[in-house]
Amino acid sequence: MKQGLTPTRDAGLLAIAVFKLFKGVVLIALGLGAVRLLNPVTVHRLFYPGTVEEVIDQRSHRKRQIAGTAVIGTEGTGEDLADVMAALNMSPMLKGKS
């Protein structure tokens, strides 16, 4: 070992090594993330009929329909208003009482 080496140089080399290790780990993580984006993801929704899940699924489907048609600008028809009001008054508790 050379006589002229000081501890500050060793600390500098250690800092460089840690930085390069960190950089390598980050690049590997980014590469894995990019590969993951290339693979398609399939989502399946399963629920039992005649349960609360069915009511929730019907409501979410109906809300998607309303959201797609309710925001139509400033020219809404009476039918659209009635549709929105009917959706706001929907309740599983009131089912069959109307």
PDB file of N, CA and C in Angstrom:
ATOM      1  N   MET A   1       0.849  -1.167   0.000  1.00  0.00           N
ATOM      2  CA  MET A   1       0.000   0.000   0.000  1.00  0.00           C
ATOM      3  C   MET A   1       0.895   1.231   0.000  1.00  0.00           C
ATOM      4  N   LYS A   2       0.493   2.235  -0.711  1.00  0.00           N
ATOM      5  CA  LYS A   2       1.292   3.463  -0.790  1.00  0.00           C
ATOM      6  C   LYS A   2       1.196   4.226   0.524  1.00  0.00           C
ATOM      7  N   GLN A   3       2.225   4.969   0.815  1.00  0.00           N
ATOM      8  CA  GLN A   3       2.284   5.729   2.050  1.00  0.00           C
ATOM      9  C   GLN A   3       1.454   7.010   1.976  1.00  0.00           C
ATOM     10  N   GLY A   4       1.180   7.560   0.772  1.00  0.00           N
ATOM     11  CA  GLY A   4       0.547   8.862   0.646  1.00  0.00           C
ATOM     12  C   GLY A   4      -0.981   8.846   0.681  1.00  0.00           C
ATOM     13  N   LEU A   5      -1.631   7.694   0.794  1.00  0.00           N
ATOM     14  CA  LEU A   5      -3.100   7.651   0.793  1.00  0.00           C
ATOM     15  C   LEU A   5      -3.647   8.174   2.116  1.00  0.00           C
ATOM     16  N   THR A   6      -4.666   8.964   2.012  1.00  0.00           N
ATOM     17  CA  THR A   6      -5.298   9.517   3.215  1.00  0.00           C
ATOM     18  C   THR A   6      -6.712   8.977   3.328  1.00  0.00           C
ATOM     19  N   PRO A   7      -7.279   8.995   4.521  1.00  0.00           N
ATOM     20  CA  PRO A   7      -8.644   8.487   4.705  1.00  0.00           C
ATOM     21  C   PRO A   7      -9.691   9.244   3.883  1.00  0.00           C
ATOM     22  N   THR A   8      -9.467  10.519   3.551  1.00  0.00           N
ATOM     23  CA  THR A   8     -10.455  11.261   2.785  1.00  0.00           C
ATOM     24  C   THR A   8     -10.587  10.697   1.377  1.00  0.00           C
ATOM     25  N   ARG A   9      -9.491  10.227   0.809  1.00  0.00           N
ATOM     26  CA  ARG A   9      -9.583   9.618  -0.521  1.00  0.00           C
ATOM     27  C   ARG A   9     -10.354   8.313  -0.456  1.00  0.00           C
ATOM     28  N   ASP A  10     -10.168   7.551   0.591  1.00  0.00           N
ATOM     29  CA  ASP A  10     -10.912   6.307   0.746  1.00  0.00           C
ATOM     30  C   ASP A  10     -12.407   6.586   0.909  1.00  0.00           C
ATOM     31  N   ALA A  11     -12.735   7.622   1.630  1.00  0.00           N
ATOM     32  CA  ALA A  11     -14.142   7.988   1.797  1.00  0.00           C
ATOM     33  C   ALA A  11     -14.738   8.453   0.471  1.00  0.00           C
ATOM     34  N   GLY A  12     -13.934   9.148  -0.332  1.00  0.00           N
ATOM     35  CA  GLY A  12     -14.399   9.589  -1.647  1.00  0.00           C
ATOM     36  C   GLY A  12     -14.670   8.411  -2.561  1.00  0.00           C
ATOM     37  N   LEU A  13     -13.766   7.416  -2.545  1.00  0.00           N
ATOM     38  CA  LEU A  13     -13.981   6.218  -3.348  1.00  0.00           C
ATOM     39  C   LEU A  13     -15.214   5.459  -2.885  1.00  0.00           C
ATOM     40  N   LEU A  14     -15.402   5.394  -1.572  1.00  0.00           N
ATOM     41  CA  LEU A  14     -16.579   4.726  -1.033  1.00  0.00           C
ATOM     42  C   LEU A  14     -17.854   5.442  -1.478  1.00  0.00           C
ATOM     43  N   ALA A  15     -17.840   6.772  -1.473  1.00  0.00           N
ATOM     44  CA  ALA A  15     -19.013   7.535  -1.915  1.00  0.00           C
ATOM     45  C   ALA A  15     -19.309   7.272  -3.382  1.00  0.00           C
ATOM     46  N   ILE A  16     -18.272   7.208  -4.206  1.00  0.00           N
ATOM     47  CA  ILE A  16     -18.460   6.915  -5.633  1.00  0.00           C
ATOM     48  C   ILE A  16     -19.031   5.514  -5.818  1.00  0.00           C
ATOM     49  N   ALA A  17     -18.522   4.555  -5.076  1.00  0.00           N
ATOM     50  CA  ALA A  17     -19.010   3.174  -5.179  1.00  0.00           C
ATOM     51  C   ALA A  17     -20.473   3.067  -4.772  1.00  0.00           C
ATOM     52  N   VAL A  18     -20.836   3.742  -3.692  1.00  0.00           N
ATOM     53  CA  VAL A  18     -22.230   3.711  -3.235  1.00  0.00           C
ATOM     54  C   VAL A  18     -23.130   4.362  -4.271  1.00  0.00           C
ATOM     55  N   PHE A  19     -22.692   5.470  -4.856  1.00  0.00           N
ATOM     56  CA  PHE A  19     -23.475   6.141  -5.881  1.00  0.00           C
ATOM     57  C   PHE A  19     -23.678   5.241  -7.100  1.00  0.00           C
ATOM     58  N   LYS A  20     -22.616   4.572  -7.545  1.00  0.00           N
ATOM     59  CA  LYS A  20     -22.731   3.686  -8.702  1.00  0.00           C
ATOM     60  C   LYS A  20     -23.642   2.495  -8.403  1.00  0.00           C
ATOM     61  N   LEU A  21     -23.573   1.965  -7.193  1.00  0.00           N
ATOM     62  CA  LEU A  21     -24.454   0.867  -6.807  1.00  0.00           C
ATOM     63  C   LEU A  21     -25.909   1.324  -6.821  1.00  0.00           C
ATOM     64  N   PHE A  22     -26.167   2.492  -6.248  1.00  0.00           N
ATOM     65  CA  PHE A  22     -27.521   3.051  -6.232  1.00  0.00           C
ATOM     66  C   PHE A  22     -28.020   3.267  -7.654  1.00  0.00           C
ATOM     67  N   LYS A  23     -27.168   3.811  -8.511  1.00  0.00           N
ATOM     68  CA  LYS A  23     -27.541   4.072  -9.899  1.00  0.00           C
ATOM     69  C   LYS A  23     -27.882   2.759 -10.613  1.00  0.00           C
ATOM     70  N   GLY A  24     -27.117   1.720 -10.377  1.00  0.00           N
ATOM     71  CA  GLY A  24     -27.384   0.417 -10.988  1.00  0.00           C
ATOM     72  C   GLY A  24     -28.709  -0.161 -10.543  1.00  0.00           C
ATOM     73  N   VAL A  25     -28.994  -0.066  -9.252  1.00  0.00           N
ATOM     74  CA  VAL A  25     -30.264  -0.577  -8.725  1.00  0.00           C
ATOM     75  C   VAL A  25     -31.440   0.190  -9.326  1.00  0.00           C
ATOM     76  N   VAL A  26     -31.323   1.503  -9.429  1.00  0.00           N
ATOM     77  CA  VAL A  26     -32.396   2.317 -10.008  1.00  0.00           C
ATOM     78  C   VAL A  26     -32.616   1.952 -11.469  1.00  0.00           C
ATOM     79  N   LEU A  27     -31.551   1.779 -12.233  1.00  0.00           N
ATOM     80  CA  LEU A  27     -31.691   1.425 -13.645  1.00  0.00           C
ATOM     81  C   LEU A  27     -32.319   0.042 -13.825  1.00  0.00           C
ATOM     82  N   ILE A  28     -31.969  -0.897 -12.971  1.00  0.00           N
ATOM     83  CA  ILE A  28     -32.591  -2.225 -13.037  1.00  0.00           C
ATOM     84  C   ILE A  28     -34.076  -2.122 -12.712  1.00  0.00           C
ATOM     85  N   ALA A  29     -34.428  -1.352 -11.702  1.00  0.00           N
ATOM     86  CA  ALA A  29     -35.842  -1.184 -11.339  1.00  0.00           C
ATOM     87  C   ALA A  29     -36.620  -0.530 -12.479  1.00  0.00           C
ATOM     88  N   LEU A  30     -36.040   0.472 -13.110  1.00  0.00           N
ATOM     89  CA  LEU A  30     -36.709   1.120 -14.243  1.00  0.00           C
ATOM     90  C   LEU A  30     -36.876   0.152 -15.407  1.00  0.00           C
ATOM     91  N   GLY A  31     -35.872  -0.661 -15.661  1.00  0.00           N
ATOM     92  CA  GLY A  31     -35.973  -1.657 -16.735  1.00  0.00           C
ATOM     93  C   GLY A  31     -37.065  -2.666 -16.471  1.00  0.00           C
ATOM     94  N   LEU A  32     -37.161  -3.150 -15.238  1.00  0.00           N
ATOM     95  CA  LEU A  32     -38.225  -4.097 -14.886  1.00  0.00           C
ATOM     96  C   LEU A  32     -39.599  -3.455 -14.995  1.00  0.00           C
ATOM     97  N   GLY A  33     -39.690  -2.191 -14.614  1.00  0.00           N
ATOM     98  CA  GLY A  33     -40.964  -1.476 -14.742  1.00  0.00           C
ATOM     99  C   GLY A  33     -41.374  -1.314 -16.187  1.00  0.00           C
ATOM    100  N   ALA A  34     -40.405  -1.037 -17.066  1.00  0.00           N
ATOM    101  CA  ALA A  34     -40.709  -0.890 -18.498  1.00  0.00           C
ATOM    102  C   ALA A  34     -41.166  -2.211 -19.085  1.00  0.00           C
ATOM    103  N   VAL A  35     -40.536  -3.304 -18.698  1.00  0.00           N
ATOM    104  CA  VAL A  35     -40.954  -4.621 -19.193  1.00  0.00           C
ATOM    105  C   VAL A  35     -42.359  -4.943 -18.700  1.00  0.00           C
ATOM    106  N   ARG A  36     -42.645  -4.572 -17.482  1.00  0.00           N
ATOM    107  CA  ARG A  36     -43.964  -4.832 -16.916  1.00  0.00           C
ATOM    108  C   ARG A  36     -45.057  -4.069 -17.658  1.00  0.00           C
ATOM    109  N   LEU A  37     -44.748  -2.868 -18.127  1.00  0.00           N
ATOM    110  CA  LEU A  37     -45.725  -2.085 -18.877  1.00  0.00           C
ATOM    111  C   LEU A  37     -46.060  -2.720 -20.220  1.00  0.00           C
ATOM    112  N   LEU A  38     -45.164  -3.501 -20.763  1.00  0.00           N
ATOM    113  CA  LEU A  38     -45.393  -4.137 -22.056  1.00  0.00           C
ATOM    114  C   LEU A  38     -46.365  -5.304 -21.969  1.00  0.00           C
ATOM    115  N   ASN A  39     -46.498  -5.908 -20.802  1.00  0.00           N
ATOM    116  CA  ASN A  39     -47.394  -7.046 -20.630  1.00  0.00           C
ATOM    117  C   ASN A  39     -48.809  -6.559 -20.317  1.00  0.00           C
ATOM    118  N   PRO A  40     -49.809  -7.044 -21.057  1.00  0.00           N
ATOM    119  CA  PRO A  40     -51.188  -6.615 -20.788  1.00  0.00           C
ATOM    120  C   PRO A  40     -51.707  -7.216 -19.475  1.00  0.00           C
ATOM    121  N   VAL A  41     -52.619  -6.508 -18.859  1.00  0.00           N
ATOM    122  CA  VAL A  41     -53.228  -6.956 -17.609  1.00  0.00           C
ATOM    123  C   VAL A  41     -54.720  -7.173 -17.853  1.00  0.00           C
ATOM    124  N   THR A  42     -55.236  -8.301 -17.428  1.00  0.00           N
ATOM    125  CA  THR A  42     -56.655  -8.608 -17.578  1.00  0.00           C
ATOM    126  C   THR A  42     -57.299  -8.609 -16.204  1.00  0.00           C
ATOM    127  N   VAL A  43     -58.417  -7.913 -16.097  1.00  0.00           N
ATOM    128  CA  VAL A  43     -59.134  -7.825 -14.823  1.00  0.00           C
ATOM    129  C   VAL A  43     -60.486  -8.511 -14.990  1.00  0.00           C
ATOM    130  N   HIS A  44     -60.792  -9.403 -14.072  1.00  0.00           N
ATOM    131  CA  HIS A  44     -62.085 -10.087 -14.083  1.00  0.00           C
ATOM    132  C   HIS A  44     -62.864  -9.659 -12.857  1.00  0.00           C
ATOM    133  N   ARG A  45     -64.161  -9.415 -13.038  1.00  0.00           N
ATOM    134  CA  ARG A  45     -65.018  -9.077 -11.904  1.00  0.00           C
ATOM    135  C   ARG A  45     -65.977 -10.238 -11.677  1.00  0.00           C
ATOM    136  N   LEU A  46     -65.964 -10.764 -10.486  1.00  0.00           N
ATOM    137  CA  LEU A  46     -66.841 -11.879 -10.139  1.00  0.00           C
ATOM    138  C   LEU A  46     -67.735 -11.463  -8.976  1.00  0.00           C
ATOM    139  N   PHE A  47     -69.018 -11.810  -9.071  1.00  0.00           N
ATOM    140  CA  PHE A  47     -69.924 -11.577  -7.956  1.00  0.00           C
ATOM    141  C   PHE A  47     -71.048 -12.593  -8.018  1.00  0.00           C
ATOM    142  N   TYR A  48     -71.667 -12.817  -6.875  1.00  0.00           N
ATOM    143  CA  TYR A  48     -72.781 -13.751  -6.796  1.00  0.00           C
ATOM    144  C   TYR A  48     -74.084 -13.008  -7.045  1.00  0.00           C
ATOM    145  N   PRO A  49     -74.974 -13.574  -7.874  1.00  0.00           N
ATOM    146  CA  PRO A  49     -76.273 -12.919  -8.106  1.00  0.00           C
ATOM    147  C   PRO A  49     -77.156 -13.023  -6.864  1.00  0.00           C
ATOM    148  N   GLY A  50     -78.022 -12.033  -6.705  1.00  0.00           N
ATOM    149  CA  GLY A  50     -78.957 -12.032  -5.586  1.00  0.00           C
ATOM    150  C   GLY A  50     -78.334 -11.571  -4.279  1.00  0.00           C
ATOM    151  N   THR A  51     -77.197 -10.902  -4.330  1.00  0.00           N
ATOM    152  CA  THR A  51     -76.537 -10.425  -3.118  1.00  0.00           C
ATOM    153  C   THR A  51     -76.334  -8.916  -3.214  1.00  0.00           C
ATOM    154  N   VAL A  52     -75.736  -8.365  -2.184  1.00  0.00           N
ATOM    155  CA  VAL A  52     -75.442  -6.936  -2.160  1.00  0.00           C
ATOM    156  C   VAL A  52     -74.506  -6.566  -3.312  1.00  0.00           C
ATOM    157  N   GLU A  53     -73.601  -7.498  -3.656  1.00  0.00           N
ATOM    158  CA  GLU A  53     -72.675  -7.235  -4.757  1.00  0.00           C
ATOM    159  C   GLU A  53     -73.415  -6.947  -6.056  1.00  0.00           C
ATOM    160  N   GLU A  54     -74.525  -7.639  -6.277  1.00  0.00           N
ATOM    161  CA  GLU A  54     -75.304  -7.418  -7.501  1.00  0.00           C
ATOM    162  C   GLU A  54     -75.909  -6.020  -7.503  1.00  0.00           C
ATOM    163  N   VAL A  55     -76.416  -5.582  -6.365  1.00  0.00           N
ATOM    164  CA  VAL A  55     -76.985  -4.236  -6.265  1.00  0.00           C
ATOM    165  C   VAL A  55     -75.905  -3.193  -6.513  1.00  0.00           C
ATOM    166  N   ILE A  56     -74.735  -3.392  -5.919  1.00  0.00           N
ATOM    167  CA  ILE A  56     -73.632  -2.450  -6.108  1.00  0.00           C
ATOM    168  C   ILE A  56     -73.205  -2.435  -7.568  1.00  0.00           C
ATOM    169  N   ASP A  57     -73.142  -3.606  -8.205  1.00  0.00           N
ATOM    170  CA  ASP A  57     -72.759  -3.669  -9.608  1.00  0.00           C
ATOM    171  C   ASP A  57     -73.798  -2.959 -10.484  1.00  0.00           C
ATOM    172  N   GLN A  58     -75.081  -3.153 -10.194  1.00  0.00           N
ATOM    173  CA  GLN A  58     -76.124  -2.469 -10.968  1.00  0.00           C
ATOM    174  C   GLN A  58     -76.019  -0.957 -10.798  1.00  0.00           C
ATOM    175  N   ARG A  59     -75.785  -0.508  -9.574  1.00  0.00           N
ATOM    176  CA  ARG A  59     -75.668   0.932  -9.330  1.00  0.00           C
ATOM    177  C   ARG A  59     -74.453   1.529 -10.034  1.00  0.00           C
ATOM    178  N   SER A  60     -73.308   0.840  -9.964  1.00  0.00           N
ATOM    179  CA  SER A  60     -72.117   1.382 -10.610  1.00  0.00           C
ATOM    180  C   SER A  60     -72.292   1.400 -12.123  1.00  0.00           C
ATOM    181  N   HIS A  61     -72.958   0.392 -12.679  1.00  0.00           N
ATOM    182  CA  HIS A  61     -73.226   0.381 -14.120  1.00  0.00           C
ATOM    183  C   HIS A  61     -74.148   1.535 -14.486  1.00  0.00           C
ATOM    184  N   ARG A  62     -75.174   1.750 -13.679  1.00  0.00           N
ATOM    185  CA  ARG A  62     -76.123   2.839 -13.947  1.00  0.00           C
ATOM    186  C   ARG A  62     -75.434   4.206 -13.803  1.00  0.00           C
ATOM    187  N   LYS A  63     -74.564   4.354 -12.806  1.00  0.00           N
ATOM    188  CA  LYS A  63     -73.845   5.622 -12.622  1.00  0.00           C
ATOM    189  C   LYS A  63     -72.929   5.901 -13.801  1.00  0.00           C
ATOM    190  N   ARG A  64     -72.309   4.849 -14.348  1.00  0.00           N
ATOM    191  CA  ARG A  64     -71.471   5.050 -15.537  1.00  0.00           C
ATOM    192  C   ARG A  64     -72.318   5.519 -16.716  1.00  0.00           C
ATOM    193  N   GLN A  65     -73.512   4.937 -16.868  1.00  0.00           N
ATOM    194  CA  GLN A  65     -74.403   5.362 -17.951  1.00  0.00           C
ATOM    195  C   GLN A  65     -74.810   6.816 -17.763  1.00  0.00           C
ATOM    196  N   ILE A  66     -75.179   7.178 -16.550  1.00  0.00           N
ATOM    197  CA  ILE A  66     -75.604   8.554 -16.289  1.00  0.00           C
ATOM    198  C   ILE A  66     -74.451   9.515 -16.497  1.00  0.00           C
ATOM    199  N   ALA A  67     -73.272   9.158 -16.028  1.00  0.00           N
ATOM    200  CA  ALA A  67     -72.106  10.031 -16.187  1.00  0.00           C
ATOM    201  C   ALA A  67     -71.787  10.239 -17.661  1.00  0.00           C
ATOM    202  N   GLY A  68     -72.019   9.218 -18.464  1.00  0.00           N
ATOM    203  CA  GLY A  68     -71.751   9.340 -19.886  1.00  0.00           C
ATOM    204  C   GLY A  68     -72.762  10.195 -20.621  1.00  0.00           C
ATOM    205  N   THR A  69     -73.964  10.306 -20.067  1.00  0.00           N
ATOM    206  CA  THR A  69     -75.015  11.047 -20.768  1.00  0.00           C
ATOM    207  C   THR A  69     -75.468  12.308 -20.043  1.00  0.00           C
ATOM    208  N   ALA A  70     -75.230  12.409 -18.742  1.00  0.00           N
ATOM    209  CA  ALA A  70     -75.757  13.550 -17.982  1.00  0.00           C
ATOM    210  C   ALA A  70     -75.017  14.840 -18.306  1.00  0.00           C
ATOM    211  N   VAL A  71     -73.735  14.768 -18.538  1.00  0.00           N
ATOM    212  CA  VAL A  71     -72.962  15.966 -18.837  1.00  0.00           C
ATOM    213  C   VAL A  71     -72.970  16.157 -20.351  1.00  0.00           C
ATOM    214  N   ILE A  72     -74.026  16.790 -20.823  1.00  0.00           N
ATOM    215  CA  ILE A  72     -74.189  16.971 -22.265  1.00  0.00           C
ATOM    216  C   ILE A  72     -74.127  18.435 -22.634  1.00  0.00           C
ATOM    217  N   GLY A  73     -73.738  19.261 -21.723  1.00  0.00           N
ATOM    218  CA  GLY A  73     -73.651  20.683 -22.016  1.00  0.00           C
ATOM    219  C   GLY A  73     -74.802  21.436 -21.381  1.00  0.00           C
ATOM    220  N   THR A  74     -75.186  22.526 -22.000  1.00  0.00           N
ATOM    221  CA  THR A  74     -76.243  23.359 -21.426  1.00  0.00           C
ATOM    222  C   THR A  74     -77.611  23.015 -21.985  1.00  0.00           C
ATOM    223  N   GLU A  75     -77.684  22.123 -22.959  1.00  0.00           N
ATOM    224  CA  GLU A  75     -78.957  21.783 -23.587  1.00  0.00           C
ATOM    225  C   GLU A  75     -79.444  20.422 -23.110  1.00  0.00           C
ATOM    226  N   GLY A  76     -80.013  20.351 -21.933  1.00  0.00           N
ATOM    227  CA  GLY A  76     -80.567  19.112 -21.429  1.00  0.00           C
ATOM    228  C   GLY A  76     -82.058  19.057 -21.704  1.00  0.00           C
ATOM    229  N   THR A  77     -82.568  17.879 -21.953  1.00  0.00           N
ATOM    230  CA  THR A  77     -84.007  17.727 -22.183  1.00  0.00           C
ATOM    231  C   THR A  77     -84.681  17.339 -20.876  1.00  0.00           C
ATOM    232  N   GLY A  78     -85.983  17.415 -20.873  1.00  0.00           N
ATOM    233  CA  GLY A  78     -86.745  17.012 -19.692  1.00  0.00           C
ATOM    234  C   GLY A  78     -86.530  15.548 -19.373  1.00  0.00           C
ATOM    235  N   GLU A  79     -86.348  14.749 -20.407  1.00  0.00           N
ATOM    236  CA  GLU A  79     -86.108  13.321 -20.218  1.00  0.00           C
ATOM    237  C   GLU A  79     -84.781  13.085 -19.495  1.00  0.00           C
ATOM    238  N   ASP A  80     -83.756  13.882 -19.853  1.00  0.00           N
ATOM    239  CA  ASP A  80     -82.465  13.766 -19.179  1.00  0.00           C
ATOM    240  C   ASP A  80     -82.583  14.126 -17.704  1.00  0.00           C
ATOM    241  N   LEU A  81     -83.316  15.195 -17.406  1.00  0.00           N
ATOM    242  CA  LEU A  81     -83.512  15.607 -16.017  1.00  0.00           C
ATOM    243  C   LEU A  81     -84.256  14.536 -15.237  1.00  0.00           C
ATOM    244  N   ALA A  82     -85.275  13.961 -15.846  1.00  0.00           N
ATOM    245  CA  ALA A  82     -86.028  12.900 -15.176  1.00  0.00           C
ATOM    246  C   ALA A  82     -85.135  11.694 -14.919  1.00  0.00           C
ATOM    247  N   ASP A  83     -84.253  11.402 -15.859  1.00  0.00           N
ATOM    248  CA  ASP A  83     -83.328  10.279 -15.703  1.00  0.00           C
ATOM    249  C   ASP A  83     -82.382  10.515 -14.537  1.00  0.00           C
ATOM    250  N   VAL A  84     -81.850  11.724 -14.432  1.00  0.00           N
ATOM    251  CA  VAL A  84     -80.940  12.056 -13.338  1.00  0.00           C
ATOM    252  C   VAL A  84     -81.676  12.024 -12.005  1.00  0.00           C
ATOM    253  N   MET A  85     -82.874  12.573 -11.949  1.00  0.00           N
ATOM    254  CA  MET A  85     -83.648  12.577 -10.702  1.00  0.00           C
ATOM    255  C   MET A  85     -84.019  11.154 -10.282  1.00  0.00           C
ATOM    256  N   ALA A  86     -84.348  10.311 -11.235  1.00  0.00           N
ATOM    257  CA  ALA A  86     -84.661   8.914 -10.912  1.00  0.00           C
ATOM    258  C   ALA A  86     -83.427   8.216 -10.337  1.00  0.00           C
ATOM    259  N   ALA A  87     -82.262   8.527 -10.888  1.00  0.00           N
ATOM    260  CA  ALA A  87     -81.032   7.914 -10.376  1.00  0.00           C
ATOM    261  C   ALA A  87     -80.732   8.382  -8.963  1.00  0.00           C
ATOM    262  N   LEU A  88     -81.006   9.658  -8.682  1.00  0.00           N
ATOM    263  CA  LEU A  88     -80.748  10.177  -7.336  1.00  0.00           C
ATOM    264  C   LEU A  88     -81.703   9.581  -6.309  1.00  0.00           C
ATOM    265  N   ASN A  89     -82.882   9.197  -6.744  1.00  0.00           N
ATOM    266  CA  ASN A  89     -83.876   8.638  -5.827  1.00  0.00           C
ATOM    267  C   ASN A  89     -83.792   7.128  -5.713  1.00  0.00           C
ATOM    268  N   MET A  90     -82.865   6.488  -6.421  1.00  0.00           N
ATOM    269  CA  MET A  90     -82.731   5.031  -6.351  1.00  0.00           C
ATOM    270  C   MET A  90     -82.227   4.619  -4.981  1.00  0.00           C
ATOM    271  N   SER A  91     -82.809   3.572  -4.447  1.00  0.00           N
ATOM    272  CA  SER A  91     -82.362   3.036  -3.175  1.00  0.00           C
ATOM    273  C   SER A  91     -82.827   1.598  -3.063  1.00  0.00           C
ATOM    274  N   PRO A  92     -81.966   0.681  -2.644  1.00  0.00           N
ATOM    275  CA  PRO A  92     -82.410  -0.703  -2.465  1.00  0.00           C
ATOM    276  C   PRO A  92     -83.425  -0.801  -1.325  1.00  0.00           C
ATOM    277  N   MET A  93     -83.402   0.154  -0.406  1.00  0.00           N
ATOM    278  CA  MET A  93     -84.343   0.143   0.716  1.00  0.00           C
ATOM    279  C   MET A  93     -85.760   0.446   0.229  1.00  0.00           C
ATOM    280  N   LEU A  94     -85.877   1.258  -0.828  1.00  0.00           N
ATOM    281  CA  LEU A  94     -87.189   1.651  -1.332  1.00  0.00           C
ATOM    282  C   LEU A  94     -87.661   0.772  -2.474  1.00  0.00           C
ATOM    283  N   LYS A  95     -86.925  -0.263  -2.815  1.00  0.00           N
ATOM    284  CA  LYS A  95     -87.260  -1.126  -3.936  1.00  0.00           C
ATOM    285  C   LYS A  95     -88.603  -1.803  -3.682  1.00  0.00           C
ATOM    286  N   GLY A  96     -89.503  -1.668  -4.610  1.00  0.00           N
ATOM    287  CA  GLY A  96     -90.818  -2.274  -4.495  1.00  0.00           C
ATOM    288  C   GLY A  96     -91.832  -1.402  -3.801  1.00  0.00           C
ATOM    289  N   LYS A  97     -91.438  -0.263  -3.202  1.00  0.00           N
ATOM    290  CA  LYS A  97     -92.364   0.621  -2.504  1.00  0.00           C
ATOM    291  C   LYS A  97     -92.902   1.713  -3.411  1.00  0.00           C
ATOM    292  N   SER A  98     -92.336   1.849  -4.654  1.00  0.00           N
ATOM    293  CA  SER A  98     -92.796   2.945  -5.503  1.00  0.00           C
ATOM    294  C   SER A  98     -94.072   2.615  -6.209  1.00  0.00           C
TER     295      SER A  98
END
